């Protein structure tokens, strides 16, 4: 079983109930609705030739397009999972998440999973309180080996 299937099996259908059709860029895209809120877990390949901020912005644009996200009316909170052969020389601070909800697509968590089973991530928190299931998602991703 490949990594994408392992991630899909860990989160679908218990947490994310809908699978959005993928593209060459999006390896996996899972969606969950809770009332008016929408959350998405997306898996993409990490490109070591591009800055992480550029890759996050590109992923945000892809999700906006695939989910028809609109600010104030149809926002989507996303967790981005980057798959990489080797863990890049990044720190948790390099994985910038959104600190406000003033986006159509709100980056709530960024995870990097490497072929060496390393896991680097940063996710939303307010003071010492984690919300949106971020701890559970991180623990489930940590348990997945590439």
N, C-alpha and C. Protein backbone atom coordinates (compact mmCIF):
# COMPACT_ATOMS: atom_id res chain seq x y z
N UNK A 1 0.85 -1.17 0.00
CA UNK A 1 0.00 0.00 0.00
C UNK A 1 0.90 1.24 0.00
N UNK A 2 0.62 2.16 -0.90
CA UNK A 2 1.45 3.36 -0.96
C UNK A 2 1.02 4.39 0.09
N UNK A 3 1.81 5.42 0.24
CA UNK A 3 1.59 6.43 1.28
C UNK A 3 0.26 7.14 1.11
N UNK A 4 -0.10 7.47 -0.10
CA UNK A 4 -1.35 8.18 -0.35
C UNK A 4 -2.54 7.31 0.08
N UNK A 5 -2.50 6.03 -0.22
CA UNK A 5 -3.56 5.12 0.20
C UNK A 5 -3.61 5.01 1.73
N UNK A 6 -2.43 4.97 2.38
CA UNK A 6 -2.38 4.91 3.84
C UNK A 6 -3.03 6.15 4.46
N UNK A 7 -2.73 7.31 3.89
CA UNK A 7 -3.32 8.55 4.41
C UNK A 7 -4.83 8.54 4.18
N UNK A 8 -5.23 8.15 2.99
CA UNK A 8 -6.66 8.10 2.68
C UNK A 8 -7.39 7.16 3.64
N UNK A 9 -6.82 5.98 3.88
CA UNK A 9 -7.46 5.00 4.77
C UNK A 9 -7.51 5.49 6.22
N UNK A 10 -6.53 6.30 6.62
CA UNK A 10 -6.50 6.80 8.00
C UNK A 10 -7.56 7.87 8.24
N UNK A 11 -7.94 8.60 7.21
CA UNK A 11 -8.83 9.75 7.39
C UNK A 11 -10.20 9.64 6.73
N UNK A 12 -10.34 8.75 5.75
CA UNK A 12 -11.60 8.66 5.01
C UNK A 12 -12.25 7.32 5.27
N UNK A 13 -13.48 7.24 5.57
CA UNK A 13 -14.52 8.26 5.64
C UNK A 13 -14.80 8.75 7.07
N UNK A 14 -14.04 8.28 8.06
CA UNK A 14 -14.34 8.63 9.45
C UNK A 14 -14.22 10.12 9.74
N UNK A 15 -13.17 10.75 9.25
CA UNK A 15 -12.95 12.18 9.54
C UNK A 15 -13.34 13.03 8.34
N UNK A 16 -12.80 12.71 7.19
CA UNK A 16 -13.12 13.43 5.95
C UNK A 16 -14.04 12.55 5.13
N UNK A 17 -15.24 13.03 4.86
CA UNK A 17 -16.27 12.18 4.27
C UNK A 17 -16.30 12.18 2.75
N UNK A 18 -15.64 13.14 2.13
CA UNK A 18 -15.71 13.25 0.67
C UNK A 18 -14.30 13.26 0.07
N UNK A 19 -14.15 12.57 -1.04
CA UNK A 19 -12.89 12.58 -1.79
C UNK A 19 -13.10 13.44 -3.02
N UNK A 20 -12.26 14.45 -3.18
CA UNK A 20 -12.34 15.34 -4.34
C UNK A 20 -11.42 14.78 -5.42
N UNK A 21 -11.86 14.74 -6.67
CA UNK A 21 -11.00 14.22 -7.75
C UNK A 21 -9.65 14.94 -7.76
N UNK A 22 -8.61 14.15 -7.99
CA UNK A 22 -7.25 14.68 -7.95
C UNK A 22 -6.75 15.06 -9.33
N UNK A 23 -5.59 15.72 -9.32
CA UNK A 23 -4.91 16.13 -10.54
C UNK A 23 -3.45 15.71 -10.41
N UNK A 24 -2.63 16.11 -11.37
CA UNK A 24 -1.20 15.82 -11.26
C UNK A 24 -0.59 16.48 -10.03
N UNK A 25 -1.07 17.68 -9.70
CA UNK A 25 -0.54 18.41 -8.55
C UNK A 25 -1.11 17.90 -7.24
N UNK A 26 -2.39 17.59 -7.20
CA UNK A 26 -3.06 17.12 -5.98
C UNK A 26 -3.08 15.60 -5.98
N UNK A 27 -2.31 15.01 -5.10
CA UNK A 27 -2.25 13.55 -5.03
C UNK A 27 -3.44 12.97 -4.28
N UNK A 28 -3.96 13.74 -3.31
CA UNK A 28 -5.13 13.34 -2.55
C UNK A 28 -5.79 14.60 -2.01
N UNK A 29 -7.10 14.63 -2.05
CA UNK A 29 -7.84 15.77 -1.52
C UNK A 29 -9.11 15.25 -0.85
N UNK A 30 -9.16 15.40 0.48
CA UNK A 30 -10.29 14.95 1.27
C UNK A 30 -11.02 16.16 1.84
N UNK A 31 -12.34 16.10 1.88
CA UNK A 31 -13.14 17.23 2.34
C UNK A 31 -14.10 16.78 3.44
N UNK A 32 -14.32 17.67 4.40
CA UNK A 32 -15.24 17.43 5.49
C UNK A 32 -16.08 18.69 5.68
N UNK A 33 -17.36 18.51 5.94
CA UNK A 33 -18.24 19.64 6.24
C UNK A 33 -18.77 19.47 7.65
N UNK A 34 -18.73 20.57 8.40
CA UNK A 34 -19.33 20.62 9.74
C UNK A 34 -20.17 21.87 9.80
N UNK A 35 -21.45 21.73 9.58
CA UNK A 35 -22.31 22.91 9.50
C UNK A 35 -21.90 23.75 8.31
N UNK A 36 -21.59 25.00 8.56
CA UNK A 36 -21.13 25.88 7.48
C UNK A 36 -19.64 25.75 7.22
N UNK A 37 -18.90 25.17 8.16
CA UNK A 37 -17.45 25.05 8.03
C UNK A 37 -17.06 23.91 7.09
N UNK A 38 -15.98 24.14 6.36
CA UNK A 38 -15.43 23.09 5.49
C UNK A 38 -13.94 22.97 5.79
N UNK A 39 -13.48 21.72 5.84
CA UNK A 39 -12.07 21.43 6.10
C UNK A 39 -11.57 20.48 5.03
N UNK A 40 -10.30 20.62 4.71
CA UNK A 40 -9.73 19.82 3.63
C UNK A 40 -8.34 19.33 4.04
N UNK A 41 -8.05 18.08 3.75
CA UNK A 41 -6.71 17.53 3.90
C UNK A 41 -6.21 17.23 2.50
N UNK A 42 -5.09 17.82 2.14
CA UNK A 42 -4.58 17.67 0.78
C UNK A 42 -3.15 17.16 0.83
N UNK A 43 -2.83 16.25 -0.09
CA UNK A 43 -1.49 15.68 -0.19
C UNK A 43 -0.89 16.09 -1.52
N UNK A 44 0.31 16.66 -1.46
CA UNK A 44 1.04 17.08 -2.66
C UNK A 44 2.49 16.65 -2.52
N UNK A 45 3.18 16.57 -3.64
CA UNK A 45 4.61 16.27 -3.61
C UNK A 45 5.40 17.52 -3.27
N UNK A 46 6.44 17.36 -2.46
CA UNK A 46 7.32 18.47 -2.11
C UNK A 46 8.33 18.66 -3.24
N UNK A 47 8.57 19.90 -3.64
CA UNK A 47 9.55 20.22 -4.68
C UNK A 47 10.72 20.94 -4.01
N UNK A 48 11.84 20.26 -3.90
CA UNK A 48 13.00 20.83 -3.20
C UNK A 48 13.61 22.02 -3.95
N UNK A 49 13.19 22.25 -5.18
CA UNK A 49 13.70 23.39 -5.95
C UNK A 49 12.89 24.66 -5.73
N UNK A 50 11.77 24.56 -5.00
CA UNK A 50 10.92 25.73 -4.76
C UNK A 50 10.85 26.02 -3.27
N UNK A 51 10.69 27.27 -2.94
CA UNK A 51 10.53 27.68 -1.54
C UNK A 51 9.22 27.11 -1.00
N UNK A 52 9.22 26.79 0.28
CA UNK A 52 8.02 26.22 0.91
C UNK A 52 6.86 27.20 0.85
N UNK A 53 7.13 28.50 0.98
CA UNK A 53 6.04 29.48 0.92
C UNK A 53 5.38 29.49 -0.45
N UNK A 54 6.17 29.35 -1.49
CA UNK A 54 5.61 29.30 -2.85
C UNK A 54 4.75 28.05 -3.03
N UNK A 55 5.21 26.93 -2.50
CA UNK A 55 4.45 25.69 -2.61
C UNK A 55 3.13 25.75 -1.83
N UNK A 56 3.17 26.38 -0.67
CA UNK A 56 1.94 26.55 0.12
C UNK A 56 0.96 27.44 -0.64
N UNK A 57 1.45 28.54 -1.20
CA UNK A 57 0.58 29.44 -1.96
C UNK A 57 0.00 28.76 -3.19
N UNK A 58 0.81 27.96 -3.88
CA UNK A 58 0.31 27.22 -5.05
C UNK A 58 -0.78 26.22 -4.64
N UNK A 59 -0.57 25.55 -3.52
CA UNK A 59 -1.57 24.60 -3.04
C UNK A 59 -2.84 25.31 -2.63
N UNK A 60 -2.70 26.46 -1.99
CA UNK A 60 -3.87 27.26 -1.61
C UNK A 60 -4.69 27.61 -2.85
N UNK A 61 -4.03 28.02 -3.93
CA UNK A 61 -4.73 28.36 -5.18
C UNK A 61 -5.45 27.15 -5.77
N UNK A 62 -4.79 25.99 -5.74
CA UNK A 62 -5.41 24.78 -6.27
C UNK A 62 -6.67 24.42 -5.48
N UNK A 63 -6.59 24.51 -4.16
CA UNK A 63 -7.73 24.16 -3.33
C UNK A 63 -8.86 25.17 -3.52
N UNK A 64 -8.50 26.43 -3.65
CA UNK A 64 -9.53 27.44 -3.89
C UNK A 64 -10.30 27.12 -5.17
N UNK A 65 -9.56 26.72 -6.19
CA UNK A 65 -10.18 26.40 -7.47
C UNK A 65 -11.05 25.13 -7.36
N UNK A 66 -10.53 24.09 -6.70
CA UNK A 66 -11.24 22.81 -6.63
C UNK A 66 -12.43 22.81 -5.68
N UNK A 67 -12.45 23.72 -4.72
CA UNK A 67 -13.55 23.74 -3.75
C UNK A 67 -14.45 24.96 -3.91
N UNK A 68 -14.15 25.81 -4.88
CA UNK A 68 -14.91 27.05 -5.09
C UNK A 68 -14.97 27.89 -3.80
N UNK A 69 -13.84 27.95 -3.11
CA UNK A 69 -13.77 28.69 -1.85
C UNK A 69 -13.87 30.19 -2.10
N UNK A 70 -14.62 30.85 -1.22
CA UNK A 70 -14.78 32.31 -1.26
C UNK A 70 -14.63 32.84 0.16
N UNK A 71 -13.93 33.93 0.29
CA UNK A 71 -13.76 34.54 1.60
C UNK A 71 -15.11 35.03 2.13
N UNK A 72 -15.36 34.79 3.38
CA UNK A 72 -16.56 35.17 4.13
C UNK A 72 -17.80 34.33 3.81
N UNK A 73 -17.81 33.60 2.74
CA UNK A 73 -19.00 32.84 2.39
C UNK A 73 -18.75 31.34 2.29
N UNK A 74 -17.63 30.96 1.74
CA UNK A 74 -17.33 29.54 1.52
C UNK A 74 -15.86 29.26 1.81
N UNK A 75 -15.39 29.65 3.00
CA UNK A 75 -13.99 29.41 3.34
C UNK A 75 -13.74 27.91 3.53
N UNK A 76 -12.48 27.55 3.38
CA UNK A 76 -12.05 26.18 3.59
C UNK A 76 -10.78 26.22 4.44
N UNK A 77 -10.79 25.47 5.53
CA UNK A 77 -9.57 25.32 6.34
C UNK A 77 -8.82 24.10 5.82
N UNK A 78 -7.52 24.26 5.54
CA UNK A 78 -6.79 23.12 4.95
C UNK A 78 -5.58 22.71 5.79
N UNK A 79 -5.30 21.43 5.70
CA UNK A 79 -4.07 20.83 6.21
C UNK A 79 -3.34 20.32 4.97
N UNK A 80 -2.13 20.80 4.78
CA UNK A 80 -1.33 20.40 3.61
C UNK A 80 -0.31 19.37 4.06
N UNK A 81 -0.26 18.24 3.37
CA UNK A 81 0.73 17.21 3.63
C UNK A 81 1.65 17.15 2.42
N UNK A 82 2.91 17.48 2.63
CA UNK A 82 3.91 17.38 1.57
C UNK A 82 4.64 16.06 1.72
N UNK A 83 4.74 15.29 0.64
CA UNK A 83 5.51 14.06 0.63
C UNK A 83 6.87 14.35 0.02
N UNK A 84 7.94 13.95 0.70
CA UNK A 84 9.28 14.21 0.19
C UNK A 84 10.17 12.98 0.39
N UNK A 85 11.11 12.80 -0.51
CA UNK A 85 12.06 11.69 -0.39
C UNK A 85 12.92 11.85 0.85
N UNK A 86 13.51 13.03 0.99
CA UNK A 86 14.34 13.36 2.14
C UNK A 86 13.78 14.60 2.81
N UNK A 87 13.90 14.66 4.12
CA UNK A 87 13.40 15.82 4.85
C UNK A 87 14.29 17.02 4.51
N UNK A 88 13.68 18.11 4.02
CA UNK A 88 14.46 19.31 3.72
C UNK A 88 14.96 19.97 5.00
N UNK A 89 15.92 20.85 4.86
CA UNK A 89 16.47 21.54 6.03
C UNK A 89 15.57 22.72 6.38
N UNK A 90 14.42 22.40 6.91
CA UNK A 90 13.44 23.39 7.35
C UNK A 90 13.19 23.19 8.84
N UNK A 91 12.67 24.22 9.46
CA UNK A 91 12.28 24.12 10.86
C UNK A 91 10.77 24.35 10.95
N UNK A 92 10.24 24.13 12.13
CA UNK A 92 8.81 24.35 12.33
C UNK A 92 8.42 25.79 12.02
N UNK A 93 9.29 26.74 12.31
CA UNK A 93 9.01 28.15 12.04
C UNK A 93 8.95 28.45 10.54
N UNK A 94 9.59 27.62 9.72
CA UNK A 94 9.55 27.81 8.26
C UNK A 94 8.19 27.43 7.68
N UNK A 95 7.43 26.66 8.43
CA UNK A 95 6.12 26.18 7.98
C UNK A 95 5.06 27.15 8.49
N UNK A 96 4.89 28.25 7.76
CA UNK A 96 4.00 29.32 8.20
C UNK A 96 2.54 29.00 7.91
N UNK A 97 1.76 29.01 8.97
CA UNK A 97 0.32 28.80 8.85
C UNK A 97 -0.36 30.16 8.96
N UNK A 98 -1.62 30.20 8.60
CA UNK A 98 -2.36 31.46 8.68
C UNK A 98 -2.70 31.78 10.14
N UNK A 99 -2.52 33.02 10.49
CA UNK A 99 -2.81 33.46 11.84
C UNK A 99 -4.18 34.14 11.93
N UNK A 100 -4.79 34.41 10.80
CA UNK A 100 -6.13 34.98 10.75
C UNK A 100 -6.98 34.16 9.79
N UNK A 101 -8.26 34.40 9.82
CA UNK A 101 -9.18 33.71 8.91
C UNK A 101 -9.56 34.55 7.72
N UNK A 102 -8.74 35.54 7.39
CA UNK A 102 -9.08 36.45 6.30
C UNK A 102 -8.62 35.93 4.95
N UNK A 103 -8.91 34.67 4.68
CA UNK A 103 -8.55 34.03 3.41
C UNK A 103 -9.71 33.14 2.99
N UNK A 104 -9.84 32.92 1.71
CA UNK A 104 -10.82 31.95 1.23
C UNK A 104 -10.37 30.54 1.62
N UNK A 105 -9.07 30.30 1.53
CA UNK A 105 -8.48 29.03 1.92
C UNK A 105 -7.52 29.32 3.07
N UNK A 106 -7.84 28.82 4.25
CA UNK A 106 -7.09 29.11 5.47
C UNK A 106 -6.17 27.93 5.77
N UNK A 107 -4.86 28.17 5.74
CA UNK A 107 -3.87 27.12 6.01
C UNK A 107 -3.80 26.92 7.52
N UNK A 108 -4.33 25.78 7.99
CA UNK A 108 -4.36 25.48 9.42
C UNK A 108 -3.22 24.57 9.85
N UNK A 109 -2.64 23.86 8.91
CA UNK A 109 -1.54 22.97 9.26
C UNK A 109 -0.73 22.62 8.04
N UNK A 110 0.59 22.50 8.24
CA UNK A 110 1.50 22.07 7.18
C UNK A 110 2.32 20.92 7.74
N UNK A 111 2.34 19.81 7.01
CA UNK A 111 3.07 18.62 7.43
C UNK A 111 4.00 18.19 6.31
N UNK A 112 5.20 17.77 6.68
CA UNK A 112 6.13 17.17 5.74
C UNK A 112 6.41 15.75 6.20
N UNK A 113 6.21 14.79 5.31
CA UNK A 113 6.51 13.39 5.59
C UNK A 113 7.61 12.95 4.64
N UNK A 114 8.67 12.38 5.19
CA UNK A 114 9.78 11.98 4.33
C UNK A 114 9.86 10.46 4.22
N UNK A 115 10.65 10.03 3.24
CA UNK A 115 10.88 8.61 3.03
C UNK A 115 11.57 7.95 4.21
N UNK A 116 12.24 8.72 5.03
CA UNK A 116 12.88 8.20 6.23
C UNK A 116 11.96 8.19 7.43
N UNK A 117 10.67 8.28 7.19
CA UNK A 117 9.63 8.31 8.23
C UNK A 117 9.78 9.49 9.19
N UNK A 118 10.38 10.58 8.71
CA UNK A 118 10.46 11.79 9.52
C UNK A 118 9.18 12.60 9.29
N UNK A 119 8.79 13.34 10.31
CA UNK A 119 7.57 14.13 10.25
C UNK A 119 7.84 15.48 10.89
N UNK A 120 7.71 16.54 10.09
CA UNK A 120 7.87 17.91 10.57
C UNK A 120 6.54 18.61 10.30
N UNK A 121 6.06 19.36 11.30
CA UNK A 121 4.77 20.01 11.09
C UNK A 121 4.63 21.25 11.96
N UNK A 122 3.67 22.07 11.56
CA UNK A 122 3.23 23.22 12.34
C UNK A 122 1.73 23.33 12.10
N UNK A 123 0.99 23.62 13.16
CA UNK A 123 -0.45 23.76 13.00
C UNK A 123 -1.01 24.81 13.93
N UNK A 124 -2.27 25.15 13.69
CA UNK A 124 -2.95 26.23 14.40
C UNK A 124 -3.01 25.98 15.89
N UNK A 125 -2.80 27.06 16.64
CA UNK A 125 -3.05 27.03 18.07
C UNK A 125 -3.27 28.47 18.53
N UNK A 126 -3.96 28.59 19.62
CA UNK A 126 -4.19 29.88 20.23
C UNK A 126 -3.69 29.76 21.66
N UNK A 127 -2.66 30.51 21.98
CA UNK A 127 -1.95 30.35 23.24
C UNK A 127 -1.51 28.89 23.33
N UNK A 128 -1.97 28.14 24.30
CA UNK A 128 -1.60 26.72 24.40
C UNK A 128 -2.75 25.79 24.03
N UNK A 129 -3.74 26.33 23.34
CA UNK A 129 -4.91 25.55 22.98
C UNK A 129 -4.88 25.20 21.49
N UNK A 130 -4.91 23.92 21.19
CA UNK A 130 -4.99 23.45 19.81
C UNK A 130 -6.44 23.19 19.48
N UNK A 131 -6.85 23.52 18.26
CA UNK A 131 -8.24 23.34 17.88
C UNK A 131 -8.34 22.83 16.46
N UNK A 132 -9.53 22.45 16.07
CA UNK A 132 -9.75 21.96 14.71
C UNK A 132 -9.23 20.56 14.47
N UNK A 133 -8.98 19.81 15.55
CA UNK A 133 -8.49 18.43 15.36
C UNK A 133 -7.03 18.34 14.96
N UNK A 134 -6.28 19.42 15.13
CA UNK A 134 -4.89 19.43 14.66
C UNK A 134 -4.02 18.39 15.33
N UNK A 135 -4.20 18.17 16.63
CA UNK A 135 -3.37 17.20 17.35
C UNK A 135 -3.67 15.79 16.85
N UNK A 136 -4.93 15.48 16.66
CA UNK A 136 -5.32 14.16 16.16
C UNK A 136 -4.77 13.92 14.75
N UNK A 137 -4.88 14.93 13.91
CA UNK A 137 -4.37 14.80 12.54
C UNK A 137 -2.86 14.57 12.56
N UNK A 138 -2.14 15.36 13.37
CA UNK A 138 -0.69 15.21 13.47
C UNK A 138 -0.31 13.81 13.95
N UNK A 139 -1.01 13.31 14.95
CA UNK A 139 -0.71 11.98 15.48
C UNK A 139 -0.97 10.89 14.45
N UNK A 140 -2.05 11.01 13.71
CA UNK A 140 -2.35 10.02 12.68
C UNK A 140 -1.32 10.07 11.55
N UNK A 141 -0.91 11.26 11.17
CA UNK A 141 0.11 11.37 10.11
C UNK A 141 1.46 10.85 10.59
N UNK A 142 1.78 11.09 11.84
CA UNK A 142 3.04 10.61 12.41
C UNK A 142 3.10 9.08 12.38
N UNK A 143 1.97 8.45 12.55
CA UNK A 143 1.91 6.98 12.59
C UNK A 143 2.06 6.35 11.19
N UNK A 144 1.92 7.16 10.15
CA UNK A 144 2.03 6.66 8.78
C UNK A 144 3.49 6.68 8.36
N UNK A 145 3.98 5.56 7.88
CA UNK A 145 5.34 5.50 7.37
C UNK A 145 5.32 5.46 5.86
N UNK A 146 6.27 6.14 5.29
CA UNK A 146 6.34 6.20 3.81
C UNK A 146 7.10 4.99 3.32
